[in-house]
Amino acid sequence: MTKVMAGTNGKADRTLDLEHELPASDDRNETMAAESQPQAASDELSKVKAERDALFDRLARLQAEFDNVRKRQAKENADFRDYALTNAVRELLPILDSLDRALQTEPDAAEFHKGIELIDRQFHDALSKLGVEPIEAKGQAFDPNLHQAIQMVDAPKVEENHVVDELQRGYRIKDRLLRPAMVTVSKRG
């Protein structure tokens, strides 16, 4: 602390106490800066490590969630495959019942034939309900997308490259081919 006398005309009227600090030496500033730099770097490193750990934790949780979704989707797909035929089988069971009853009856040729025709109609109705339609073949122009030619025959009464006979009926479900019709196709000798 330094005391300074202040006054007018060289006379001392009062005494002022002034306190002032001397500037710190450069060595002292460098020591303080050196001590604060490792602390700041350590604090920054701690923050970065905490952020890294949080990101790793988030990544692990997201990976686990993704695996759970993938497993759940696989199970749903398996269930769908296992039970997709439920409606189709439900439509076909009455036909099986009719066939079982037909086999239990005494064979009378005329009645047996009528019963088989009824079962055939019942079967086609069930397929139609499921969206399965037969492919028209006989008399139609040969279409390799719908027909499978088994043989070619001379047929003077049928146009060339038209179906003469259907050996096995073809079917499609909506726009998708289930099975092509096996056919005999006309040719000109």
N, C-alpha and C. Protein backbone atom coordinates (compact mmCIF):
# COMPACT_ATOMS: atom_id res chain seq x y z
N MET A 1 0.85 -1.16 0.00
CA MET A 1 0.00 0.00 0.00
C MET A 1 0.90 1.23 0.00
N THR A 2 0.47 2.18 -0.79
CA THR A 2 1.25 3.40 -0.92
C THR A 2 0.40 4.57 -0.47
N LYS A 3 1.01 5.47 0.32
CA LYS A 3 0.26 6.65 0.75
C LYS A 3 0.72 7.82 -0.07
N VAL A 4 -0.24 8.56 -0.55
CA VAL A 4 0.05 9.73 -1.38
C VAL A 4 -0.60 10.94 -0.71
N MET A 5 0.12 12.01 -0.72
CA MET A 5 -0.40 13.24 -0.12
C MET A 5 -0.96 14.09 -1.25
N ALA A 6 -2.14 14.54 -1.05
CA ALA A 6 -2.74 15.37 -2.08
C ALA A 6 -3.09 16.72 -1.45
N GLY A 7 -2.93 17.73 -2.22
CA GLY A 7 -3.24 19.05 -1.68
C GLY A 7 -3.14 20.10 -2.76
N THR A 8 -3.38 21.31 -2.38
CA THR A 8 -3.28 22.41 -3.31
C THR A 8 -2.17 23.32 -2.86
N ASN A 9 -1.55 23.94 -3.72
CA ASN A 9 -0.47 24.88 -3.47
C ASN A 9 0.64 24.26 -2.64
N GLY A 10 0.88 23.02 -2.84
CA GLY A 10 1.98 22.38 -2.17
C GLY A 10 1.70 22.04 -0.74
N LYS A 11 0.52 22.37 -0.24
CA LYS A 11 0.21 22.06 1.14
C LYS A 11 -0.51 20.72 1.19
N ALA A 12 -0.25 19.96 2.18
CA ALA A 12 -0.86 18.64 2.33
C ALA A 12 -2.14 18.78 3.08
N ASP A 13 -3.25 18.47 2.40
CA ASP A 13 -4.54 18.55 3.05
C ASP A 13 -5.02 17.20 3.57
N ARG A 14 -4.77 16.28 2.83
CA ARG A 14 -5.24 14.96 3.24
C ARG A 14 -4.33 13.88 2.71
N THR A 15 -4.50 12.71 3.24
CA THR A 15 -3.69 11.57 2.83
C THR A 15 -4.59 10.55 2.16
N LEU A 16 -4.23 10.06 0.98
CA LEU A 16 -5.00 9.03 0.27
C LEU A 16 -4.25 7.72 0.35
N ASP A 17 -5.00 6.70 0.66
CA ASP A 17 -4.40 5.37 0.65
C ASP A 17 -4.75 4.72 -0.70
N LEU A 18 -3.78 4.45 -1.45
CA LEU A 18 -3.99 3.77 -2.74
C LEU A 18 -3.37 2.40 -2.66
N GLU A 19 -4.17 1.46 -3.08
CA GLU A 19 -3.64 0.10 -3.10
C GLU A 19 -3.57 -0.32 -4.56
N HIS A 20 -2.45 -0.79 -4.92
CA HIS A 20 -2.32 -1.28 -6.30
C HIS A 20 -1.41 -2.50 -6.29
N GLU A 21 -1.67 -3.32 -7.31
CA GLU A 21 -0.87 -4.54 -7.41
C GLU A 21 0.13 -4.36 -8.52
N LEU A 22 1.20 -4.98 -8.30
CA LEU A 22 2.20 -4.99 -9.35
C LEU A 22 1.84 -6.06 -10.37
N PRO A 23 2.08 -5.85 -11.62
CA PRO A 23 1.77 -6.90 -12.60
C PRO A 23 2.58 -8.15 -12.30
N ALA A 24 1.90 -9.29 -12.52
CA ALA A 24 2.59 -10.56 -12.27
C ALA A 24 3.69 -10.74 -13.29
N SER A 25 4.67 -11.46 -12.89
CA SER A 25 5.79 -11.66 -13.79
C SER A 25 5.36 -12.64 -14.88
N ASP A 26 6.04 -12.67 -16.00
CA ASP A 26 5.74 -13.57 -17.12
C ASP A 26 5.88 -15.02 -16.70
N ASP A 27 6.82 -15.34 -15.84
CA ASP A 27 7.01 -16.72 -15.38
C ASP A 27 5.76 -17.21 -14.65
N ARG A 28 5.19 -16.34 -13.86
CA ARG A 28 4.02 -16.73 -13.09
C ARG A 28 2.82 -16.98 -14.03
N ASN A 29 2.62 -16.13 -15.04
CA ASN A 29 1.54 -16.30 -16.02
C ASN A 29 1.71 -17.61 -16.79
N GLU A 30 2.93 -17.91 -17.17
CA GLU A 30 3.19 -19.15 -17.93
C GLU A 30 2.89 -20.37 -17.07
N THR A 31 3.22 -20.32 -15.80
CA THR A 31 2.96 -21.44 -14.91
C THR A 31 1.46 -21.65 -14.77
N MET A 32 0.71 -20.59 -14.60
CA MET A 32 -0.75 -20.69 -14.48
C MET A 32 -1.36 -21.21 -15.77
N ALA A 33 -0.91 -20.73 -16.91
CA ALA A 33 -1.43 -21.18 -18.21
C ALA A 33 -1.10 -22.65 -18.41
N ALA A 34 0.11 -23.06 -18.05
CA ALA A 34 0.51 -24.45 -18.22
C ALA A 34 -0.32 -25.35 -17.32
N GLU A 35 -0.66 -24.87 -16.12
CA GLU A 35 -1.47 -25.68 -15.23
C GLU A 35 -2.92 -25.76 -15.72
N SER A 36 -3.44 -24.72 -16.35
CA SER A 36 -4.83 -24.71 -16.80
C SER A 36 -5.01 -25.47 -18.12
N GLN A 37 -3.98 -25.55 -18.96
CA GLN A 37 -4.09 -26.27 -20.23
C GLN A 37 -4.32 -27.77 -20.02
N PRO A 38 -3.57 -28.47 -19.19
CA PRO A 38 -3.86 -29.89 -18.99
C PRO A 38 -5.26 -30.09 -18.41
N GLN A 39 -5.69 -29.20 -17.56
CA GLN A 39 -7.02 -29.33 -16.99
C GLN A 39 -8.09 -29.17 -18.07
N ALA A 40 -7.93 -28.17 -18.93
CA ALA A 40 -8.89 -27.94 -20.02
C ALA A 40 -8.88 -29.13 -20.99
N ALA A 41 -7.70 -29.62 -21.31
CA ALA A 41 -7.59 -30.76 -22.22
C ALA A 41 -8.21 -32.00 -21.59
N SER A 42 -8.00 -32.17 -20.31
CA SER A 42 -8.58 -33.31 -19.60
C SER A 42 -10.10 -33.21 -19.58
N ASP A 43 -10.62 -32.01 -19.35
CA ASP A 43 -12.07 -31.80 -19.36
C ASP A 43 -12.65 -32.09 -20.75
N GLU A 44 -11.98 -31.60 -21.77
CA GLU A 44 -12.41 -31.82 -23.16
C GLU A 44 -12.38 -33.31 -23.50
N LEU A 45 -11.32 -33.99 -23.08
CA LEU A 45 -11.19 -35.43 -23.32
C LEU A 45 -12.31 -36.20 -22.62
N SER A 46 -12.64 -35.80 -21.42
CA SER A 46 -13.73 -36.45 -20.68
C SER A 46 -15.06 -36.25 -21.41
N LYS A 47 -15.29 -35.05 -21.93
CA LYS A 47 -16.52 -34.78 -22.67
C LYS A 47 -16.59 -35.64 -23.93
N VAL A 48 -15.48 -35.73 -24.65
CA VAL A 48 -15.44 -36.52 -25.89
C VAL A 48 -15.66 -38.00 -25.58
N LYS A 49 -15.04 -38.50 -24.51
CA LYS A 49 -15.23 -39.90 -24.13
C LYS A 49 -16.69 -40.17 -23.75
N ALA A 50 -17.30 -39.26 -23.02
CA ALA A 50 -18.70 -39.43 -22.63
C ALA A 50 -19.60 -39.43 -23.85
N GLU A 51 -19.31 -38.54 -24.80
CA GLU A 51 -20.10 -38.49 -26.04
C GLU A 51 -19.92 -39.77 -26.84
N ARG A 52 -18.68 -40.27 -26.92
CA ARG A 52 -18.39 -41.53 -27.62
C ARG A 52 -19.16 -42.69 -26.98
N ASP A 53 -19.11 -42.76 -25.64
CA ASP A 53 -19.81 -43.83 -24.94
C ASP A 53 -21.31 -43.76 -25.19
N ALA A 54 -21.86 -42.54 -25.22
CA ALA A 54 -23.29 -42.37 -25.48
C ALA A 54 -23.63 -42.83 -26.89
N LEU A 55 -22.77 -42.52 -27.85
CA LEU A 55 -23.01 -42.95 -29.24
C LEU A 55 -22.89 -44.46 -29.38
N PHE A 56 -21.91 -45.07 -28.72
CA PHE A 56 -21.79 -46.54 -28.76
C PHE A 56 -23.02 -47.20 -28.14
N ASP A 57 -23.50 -46.65 -27.05
CA ASP A 57 -24.69 -47.18 -26.40
C ASP A 57 -25.90 -47.07 -27.34
N ARG A 58 -26.03 -45.92 -27.98
CA ARG A 58 -27.14 -45.71 -28.92
C ARG A 58 -27.04 -46.68 -30.10
N LEU A 59 -25.82 -46.87 -30.61
CA LEU A 59 -25.60 -47.81 -31.71
C LEU A 59 -25.98 -49.23 -31.30
N ALA A 60 -25.56 -49.63 -30.11
CA ALA A 60 -25.88 -50.98 -29.63
C ALA A 60 -27.40 -51.16 -29.49
N ARG A 61 -28.08 -50.14 -29.00
CA ARG A 61 -29.55 -50.22 -28.86
C ARG A 61 -30.23 -50.30 -30.23
N LEU A 62 -29.75 -49.51 -31.18
CA LEU A 62 -30.32 -49.54 -32.52
C LEU A 62 -30.08 -50.88 -33.20
N GLN A 63 -28.91 -51.45 -33.01
CA GLN A 63 -28.63 -52.77 -33.58
C GLN A 63 -29.54 -53.83 -32.97
N ALA A 64 -29.74 -53.76 -31.67
CA ALA A 64 -30.62 -54.72 -31.00
C ALA A 64 -32.06 -54.55 -31.49
N GLU A 65 -32.48 -53.31 -31.64
CA GLU A 65 -33.84 -53.05 -32.13
C GLU A 65 -34.00 -53.57 -33.57
N PHE A 66 -32.99 -53.34 -34.39
CA PHE A 66 -33.03 -53.84 -35.77
C PHE A 66 -33.11 -55.36 -35.80
N ASP A 67 -32.31 -56.03 -34.97
CA ASP A 67 -32.36 -57.50 -34.90
C ASP A 67 -33.74 -57.98 -34.46
N ASN A 68 -34.34 -57.30 -33.50
CA ASN A 68 -35.68 -57.68 -33.04
C ASN A 68 -36.71 -57.52 -34.15
N VAL A 69 -36.63 -56.43 -34.89
CA VAL A 69 -37.56 -56.20 -36.00
C VAL A 69 -37.37 -57.27 -37.07
N ARG A 70 -36.12 -57.59 -37.38
CA ARG A 70 -35.83 -58.62 -38.39
C ARG A 70 -36.38 -59.97 -37.95
N LYS A 71 -36.18 -60.33 -36.68
CA LYS A 71 -36.69 -61.61 -36.17
C LYS A 71 -38.22 -61.64 -36.16
N ARG A 72 -38.83 -60.52 -35.78
CA ARG A 72 -40.29 -60.45 -35.76
C ARG A 72 -40.84 -60.59 -37.19
N GLN A 73 -40.20 -59.94 -38.16
CA GLN A 73 -40.64 -60.03 -39.55
C GLN A 73 -40.48 -61.45 -40.08
N ALA A 74 -39.40 -62.11 -39.74
CA ALA A 74 -39.18 -63.50 -40.17
C ALA A 74 -40.27 -64.41 -39.59
N LYS A 75 -40.63 -64.19 -38.33
CA LYS A 75 -41.68 -65.00 -37.70
C LYS A 75 -43.03 -64.74 -38.36
N GLU A 76 -43.33 -63.47 -38.65
CA GLU A 76 -44.60 -63.15 -39.32
C GLU A 76 -44.65 -63.78 -40.71
N ASN A 77 -43.53 -63.76 -41.43
CA ASN A 77 -43.48 -64.39 -42.76
C ASN A 77 -43.69 -65.89 -42.65
N ALA A 78 -43.07 -66.52 -41.67
CA ALA A 78 -43.24 -67.96 -41.47
C ALA A 78 -44.69 -68.29 -41.12
N ASP A 79 -45.29 -67.49 -40.24
CA ASP A 79 -46.70 -67.70 -39.89
C ASP A 79 -47.59 -67.53 -41.11
N PHE A 80 -47.30 -66.52 -41.92
CA PHE A 80 -48.10 -66.30 -43.13
C PHE A 80 -48.01 -67.50 -44.06
N ARG A 81 -46.78 -67.99 -44.27
CA ARG A 81 -46.61 -69.16 -45.14
C ARG A 81 -47.34 -70.37 -44.57
N ASP A 82 -47.25 -70.56 -43.27
CA ASP A 82 -47.87 -71.73 -42.64
C ASP A 82 -49.40 -71.69 -42.73
N TYR A 83 -49.97 -70.50 -42.63
CA TYR A 83 -51.42 -70.39 -42.57
C TYR A 83 -52.05 -69.78 -43.81
N ALA A 84 -51.28 -69.53 -44.86
CA ALA A 84 -51.80 -68.92 -46.09
C ALA A 84 -52.79 -69.83 -46.79
N LEU A 85 -52.63 -71.12 -46.65
CA LEU A 85 -53.50 -72.07 -47.33
C LEU A 85 -54.80 -72.34 -46.58
N THR A 86 -54.99 -71.71 -45.46
CA THR A 86 -56.17 -71.98 -44.63
C THR A 86 -57.47 -71.82 -45.42
N ASN A 87 -57.63 -70.69 -46.12
CA ASN A 87 -58.86 -70.46 -46.87
C ASN A 87 -59.02 -71.46 -48.00
N ALA A 88 -57.92 -71.78 -48.67
CA ALA A 88 -57.99 -72.74 -49.78
C ALA A 88 -58.41 -74.11 -49.28
N VAL A 89 -57.82 -74.56 -48.21
CA VAL A 89 -58.15 -75.87 -47.67
C VAL A 89 -59.59 -75.89 -47.17
N ARG A 90 -60.03 -74.80 -46.56
CA ARG A 90 -61.41 -74.71 -46.07
C ARG A 90 -62.40 -74.86 -47.23
N GLU A 91 -62.08 -74.33 -48.40
CA GLU A 91 -62.94 -74.46 -49.58
C GLU A 91 -62.91 -75.88 -50.14
N LEU A 92 -61.79 -76.58 -49.98
CA LEU A 92 -61.65 -77.92 -50.56
C LEU A 92 -62.19 -79.04 -49.66
N LEU A 93 -62.33 -78.79 -48.38
CA LEU A 93 -62.79 -79.83 -47.46
C LEU A 93 -64.18 -80.39 -47.80
N PRO A 94 -65.15 -79.57 -48.18
CA PRO A 94 -66.44 -80.16 -48.56
C PRO A 94 -66.34 -81.11 -49.76
N ILE A 95 -65.42 -80.82 -50.66
CA ILE A 95 -65.23 -81.71 -51.82
C ILE A 95 -64.67 -83.05 -51.35
N LEU A 96 -63.74 -83.01 -50.45
CA LEU A 96 -63.19 -84.25 -49.89
C LEU A 96 -64.29 -85.04 -49.19
N ASP A 97 -65.16 -84.34 -48.47
CA ASP A 97 -66.28 -85.02 -47.82
C ASP A 97 -67.18 -85.70 -48.84
N SER A 98 -67.45 -85.01 -49.95
CA SER A 98 -68.29 -85.60 -51.01
C SER A 98 -67.63 -86.82 -51.62
N LEU A 99 -66.34 -86.77 -51.84
CA LEU A 99 -65.62 -87.93 -52.39
C LEU A 99 -65.67 -89.11 -51.41
N ASP A 100 -65.52 -88.83 -50.13
CA ASP A 100 -65.59 -89.89 -49.13
C ASP A 100 -66.97 -90.55 -49.13
N ARG A 101 -68.02 -89.73 -49.22
CA ARG A 101 -69.39 -90.28 -49.26
C ARG A 101 -69.61 -91.10 -50.53
N ALA A 102 -69.06 -90.63 -51.66
CA ALA A 102 -69.22 -91.35 -52.93
C ALA A 102 -68.56 -92.72 -52.86
N LEU A 103 -67.42 -92.79 -52.20
CA LEU A 103 -66.71 -94.07 -52.09
C LEU A 103 -67.42 -95.05 -51.15
N GLN A 104 -68.27 -94.57 -50.27
CA GLN A 104 -68.97 -95.42 -49.32
C GLN A 104 -70.27 -95.99 -49.89
N THR A 105 -70.71 -95.51 -51.04
CA THR A 105 -71.97 -95.97 -51.61
C THR A 105 -71.75 -97.21 -52.47
N GLU A 106 -72.86 -97.93 -52.73
CA GLU A 106 -72.82 -99.07 -53.63
C GLU A 106 -72.67 -98.55 -55.05
N PRO A 107 -71.78 -99.15 -55.85
CA PRO A 107 -71.53 -98.62 -57.18
C PRO A 107 -72.65 -98.95 -58.18
N ASP A 108 -73.45 -97.95 -58.47
CA ASP A 108 -74.41 -98.01 -59.57
C ASP A 108 -73.84 -97.04 -60.60
N ALA A 109 -73.53 -97.51 -61.77
CA ALA A 109 -72.78 -96.74 -62.76
C ALA A 109 -73.40 -95.38 -63.06
N ALA A 110 -74.69 -95.33 -63.28
CA ALA A 110 -75.33 -94.06 -63.64
C ALA A 110 -75.30 -93.08 -62.46
N GLU A 111 -75.66 -93.55 -61.29
CA GLU A 111 -75.68 -92.69 -60.11
C GLU A 111 -74.26 -92.26 -59.73
N PHE A 112 -73.34 -93.20 -59.85
CA PHE A 112 -71.94 -92.89 -59.53
C PHE A 112 -71.42 -91.79 -60.45
N HIS A 113 -71.74 -91.89 -61.74
CA HIS A 113 -71.31 -90.89 -62.71
C HIS A 113 -71.90 -89.52 -62.37
N LYS A 114 -73.18 -89.46 -62.01
CA LYS A 114 -73.82 -88.19 -61.62
C LYS A 114 -73.14 -87.60 -60.39
N GLY A 115 -72.82 -88.46 -59.44
CA GLY A 115 -72.14 -88.00 -58.22
C GLY A 115 -70.77 -87.41 -58.53
N ILE A 116 -70.04 -88.07 -59.41
CA ILE A 116 -68.71 -87.55 -59.79
C ILE A 116 -68.86 -86.21 -60.51
N GLU A 117 -69.87 -86.06 -61.35
CA GLU A 117 -70.10 -84.77 -62.02
C GLU A 117 -70.40 -83.66 -61.01
N LEU A 118 -71.18 -83.99 -60.00
CA LEU A 118 -71.48 -83.01 -58.96
C LEU A 118 -70.22 -82.62 -58.19
N ILE A 119 -69.41 -83.59 -57.88
CA ILE A 119 -68.15 -83.31 -57.16
C ILE A 119 -67.23 -82.46 -58.04
N ASP A 120 -67.17 -82.77 -59.34
CA ASP A 120 -66.35 -81.98 -60.26
C ASP A 120 -66.82 -80.53 -60.29
N ARG A 121 -68.13 -80.32 -60.38
CA ARG A 121 -68.69 -78.96 -60.38
C ARG A 121 -68.37 -78.27 -59.06
N GLN A 122 -68.51 -78.99 -57.96
CA GLN A 122 -68.21 -78.43 -56.64
C GLN A 122 -66.74 -78.03 -56.55
N PHE A 123 -65.87 -78.86 -57.10
CA PHE A 123 -64.44 -78.57 -57.07
C PHE A 123 -64.13 -77.32 -57.89
N HIS A 124 -64.70 -77.20 -59.08
CA HIS A 124 -64.46 -76.02 -59.93
C HIS A 124 -65.01 -74.75 -59.29
N ASP A 125 -66.16 -74.87 -58.61
CA ASP A 125 -66.71 -73.71 -57.90
C ASP A 125 -65.77 -73.26 -56.78
N ALA A 126 -65.22 -74.21 -56.05
CA ALA A 126 -64.28 -73.88 -54.96
C ALA A 126 -63.04 -73.20 -55.53
N LEU A 127 -62.51 -73.71 -56.64
CA LEU A 127 -61.34 -73.08 -57.25
C LEU A 127 -61.67 -71.67 -57.74
N SER A 128 -62.85 -71.50 -58.29
CA SER A 128 -63.26 -70.18 -58.76
C SER A 128 -63.33 -69.18 -57.60
N LYS A 129 -63.84 -69.61 -56.44
CA LYS A 129 -63.88 -68.74 -55.26
C LYS A 129 -62.49 -68.32 -54.82
N LEU A 130 -61.51 -69.19 -55.08
CA LEU A 130 -60.12 -68.88 -54.71
C LEU A 130 -59.40 -68.07 -55.79
N GLY A 131 -60.10 -67.76 -56.88
CA GLY A 131 -59.50 -66.97 -57.95
C GLY A 131 -58.78 -67.80 -59.00
N VAL A 132 -58.98 -69.11 -58.98
CA VAL A 132 -58.33 -70.00 -59.94
C VAL A 132 -59.29 -70.22 -61.11
N GLU A 133 -58.83 -69.93 -62.31
CA GLU A 133 -59.65 -70.08 -63.50
C GLU A 133 -58.97 -71.02 -64.49
N PRO A 134 -59.76 -71.86 -65.19
CA PRO A 134 -59.16 -72.72 -66.21
C PRO A 134 -58.78 -71.90 -67.45
N ILE A 135 -57.78 -72.36 -68.17
CA ILE A 135 -57.35 -71.71 -69.40
C ILE A 135 -58.09 -72.37 -70.56
N GLU A 136 -58.77 -71.56 -71.35
CA GLU A 136 -59.44 -72.09 -72.54
C GLU A 136 -58.37 -72.47 -73.55
N ALA A 137 -58.47 -73.67 -74.09
CA ALA A 137 -57.43 -74.12 -75.01
C ALA A 137 -58.00 -74.63 -76.33
N LYS A 138 -58.93 -75.56 -76.30
CA LYS A 138 -59.41 -76.22 -77.51
C LYS A 138 -60.02 -75.20 -78.48
N GLY A 139 -59.50 -75.22 -79.72
CA GLY A 139 -59.98 -74.30 -80.75
C GLY A 139 -59.32 -72.94 -80.72
N GLN A 140 -58.52 -72.65 -79.70
CA GLN A 140 -57.85 -71.36 -79.57
C GLN A 140 -56.52 -71.37 -80.33
N ALA A 141 -56.04 -70.19 -80.69
CA ALA A 141 -54.73 -70.08 -81.30
C ALA A 141 -53.68 -70.48 -80.27
N PHE A 142 -52.67 -71.21 -80.71
CA PHE A 142 -51.62 -71.66 -79.80
C PHE A 142 -50.88 -70.46 -79.22
N ASP A 143 -50.79 -70.40 -77.89
CA ASP A 143 -50.07 -69.33 -77.19
C ASP A 143 -49.05 -69.99 -76.27
N PRO A 144 -47.76 -69.86 -76.59
CA PRO A 144 -46.74 -70.53 -75.76
C PRO A 144 -46.70 -70.03 -74.32
N ASN A 145 -47.33 -68.90 -74.05
CA ASN A 145 -47.39 -68.40 -72.67
C ASN A 145 -48.44 -69.14 -71.85
N LEU A 146 -49.42 -69.76 -72.54
CA LEU A 146 -50.52 -70.44 -71.85
C LEU A 146 -50.58 -71.93 -72.15
N HIS A 147 -50.02 -72.33 -73.26
CA HIS A 147 -50.13 -73.71 -73.72
C HIS A 147 -48.76 -74.36 -73.83
N GLN A 148 -48.72 -75.65 -73.55
CA GLN A 148 -47.51 -76.43 -73.75
C GLN A 148 -47.84 -77.48 -74.81
N ALA A 149 -47.18 -77.35 -75.98
CA ALA A 149 -47.46 -78.27 -77.08
C ALA A 149 -46.78 -79.60 -76.81
N ILE A 150 -47.59 -80.67 -76.81
CA ILE A 150 -47.07 -82.01 -76.60
C ILE A 150 -46.78 -82.66 -77.95
N GLN A 151 -47.64 -82.37 -78.90
CA GLN A 151 -47.43 -82.90 -80.24
C GLN A 151 -48.10 -82.01 -81.26
N MET A 152 -47.68 -82.16 -82.49
CA MET A 152 -48.29 -81.44 -83.60
C MET A 152 -48.87 -82.50 -84.54
N VAL A 153 -50.08 -82.26 -85.02
CA VAL A 153 -50.77 -83.22 -85.88
C VAL A 153 -51.34 -82.51 -87.11
N ASP A 154 -51.49 -83.29 -88.19
CA ASP A 154 -52.18 -82.77 -89.37
C ASP A 154 -53.67 -82.74 -89.06
N ALA A 155 -54.26 -81.58 -89.17
CA ALA A 155 -55.70 -81.43 -88.92
C ALA A 155 -56.26 -80.50 -89.98
N PRO A 156 -56.74 -81.07 -91.09
CA PRO A 156 -57.21 -80.24 -92.20
C PRO A 156 -58.41 -79.36 -91.85
N LYS A 157 -59.22 -79.74 -90.87
CA LYS A 157 -60.42 -78.97 -90.51
C LYS A 157 -60.12 -77.86 -89.51
N VAL A 158 -58.91 -77.80 -88.96
CA VAL A 158 -58.53 -76.80 -87.95
C VAL A 158 -57.45 -75.91 -88.54
N GLU A 159 -57.55 -74.62 -88.22
CA GLU A 159 -56.54 -73.69 -88.72
C GLU A 159 -55.16 -74.07 -88.20
N GLU A 160 -54.13 -73.70 -88.97
CA GLU A 160 -52.76 -74.00 -88.58
C GLU A 160 -52.41 -73.26 -87.29
N ASN A 161 -51.63 -73.91 -86.44
CA ASN A 161 -51.19 -73.37 -85.13
C ASN A 161 -52.35 -73.07 -84.19
N HIS A 162 -53.36 -73.89 -84.26
CA HIS A 162 -54.48 -73.81 -83.31
C HIS A 162 -54.53 -75.11 -82.52
N VAL A 163 -55.11 -75.03 -81.33
CA VAL A 163 -55.19 -76.20 -80.46
C VAL A 163 -56.26 -77.15 -80.97
N VAL A 164 -55.84 -78.40 -81.22
CA VAL A 164 -56.76 -79.44 -81.69
C VAL A 164 -57.38 -80.14 -80.50
N ASP A 165 -56.59 -80.46 -79.51
CA ASP A 165 -57.08 -81.22 -78.36
C ASP A 165 -56.34 -80.76 -77.10
N GLU A 166 -57.04 -80.83 -75.99
CA GLU A 166 -56.46 -80.48 -74.69
C GLU A 166 -56.24 -81.79 -73.92
N LEU A 167 -54.97 -82.09 -73.63
CA LEU A 167 -54.65 -83.32 -72.92
C LEU A 167 -54.71 -83.13 -71.41
N GLN A 168 -54.37 -81.94 -70.97
CA GLN A 168 -54.44 -81.62 -69.54
C GLN A 168 -54.79 -80.14 -69.43
N ARG A 169 -55.80 -79.82 -68.65
CA ARG A 169 -56.26 -78.44 -68.52
C ARG A 169 -55.21 -77.59 -67.79
N GLY A 170 -55.07 -76.37 -68.25
CA GLY A 170 -54.19 -75.40 -67.59
C GLY A 170 -54.99 -74.47 -66.71
N TYR A 171 -54.32 -73.87 -65.74
CA TYR A 171 -55.00 -72.96 -64.80
C TYR A 171 -54.15 -71.74 -64.53
N ARG A 172 -54.84 -70.66 -64.20
CA ARG A 172 -54.17 -69.44 -63.76
C ARG A 172 -54.93 -68.89 -62.57
N ILE A 173 -54.19 -68.19 -61.74
CA ILE A 173 -54.80 -67.50 -60.60
C ILE A 173 -54.60 -66.02 -60.85
N LYS A 174 -55.73 -65.35 -61.04
CA LYS A 174 -55.73 -63.94 -61.46
C LYS A 174 -54.92 -63.84 -62.75
N ASP A 175 -53.80 -63.12 -62.77
CA ASP A 175 -53.01 -62.99 -64.00
C ASP A 175 -51.80 -63.91 -64.02
N ARG A 176 -51.61 -64.71 -63.02
CA ARG A 176 -50.42 -65.57 -62.92
C ARG A 176 -50.76 -67.00 -63.37
N LEU A 177 -49.89 -67.54 -64.20
CA LEU A 177 -50.06 -68.90 -64.70
C LEU A 177 -49.67 -69.90 -63.61
N LEU A 178 -50.61 -70.80 -63.28
CA LEU A 178 -50.30 -71.87 -62.33
C LEU A 178 -49.70 -73.06 -63.06
N ARG A 179 -50.33 -73.39 -64.19
CA ARG A 179 -49.87 -74.52 -64.97
C ARG A 179 -50.37 -74.33 -66.40
N PRO A 180 -49.49 -74.52 -67.39
CA PRO A 180 -49.95 -74.38 -68.78
C PRO A 180 -50.81 -75.58 -69.18
N ALA A 181 -51.66 -75.37 -70.16
CA ALA A 181 -52.47 -76.46 -70.69
C ALA A 181 -51.59 -77.30 -71.63
N MET A 182 -51.64 -78.62 -71.46
CA MET A 182 -50.91 -79.51 -72.37
C MET A 182 -51.82 -79.77 -73.55
N VAL A 183 -51.34 -79.44 -74.75
CA VAL A 183 -52.22 -79.47 -75.91
C VAL A 183 -51.55 -80.12 -77.13
N THR A 184 -52.42 -80.49 -78.06
CA THR A 184 -52.01 -80.94 -79.38
C THR A 184 -52.30 -79.78 -80.34
N VAL A 185 -51.33 -79.46 -81.19
CA VAL A 185 -51.44 -78.29 -82.06
C VAL A 185 -51.50 -78.75 -83.53
N SER A 186 -52.31 -78.03 -84.31
CA SER A 186 -52.46 -78.38 -85.74
C SER A 186 -51.29 -77.84 -86.55
N LYS A 187 -51.00 -78.58 -87.64
CA LYS A 187 -49.99 -78.12 -88.60
C LYS A 187 -50.47 -78.48 -89.98
N ARG A 188 -49.89 -77.90 -90.95
CA ARG A 188 -50.21 -78.21 -92.33
C ARG A 188 -49.08 -79.07 -92.88
N GLY A 189 -49.45 -80.16 -93.47
CA GLY A 189 -48.52 -81.17 -93.95
C GLY A 189 -47.65 -80.70 -95.01
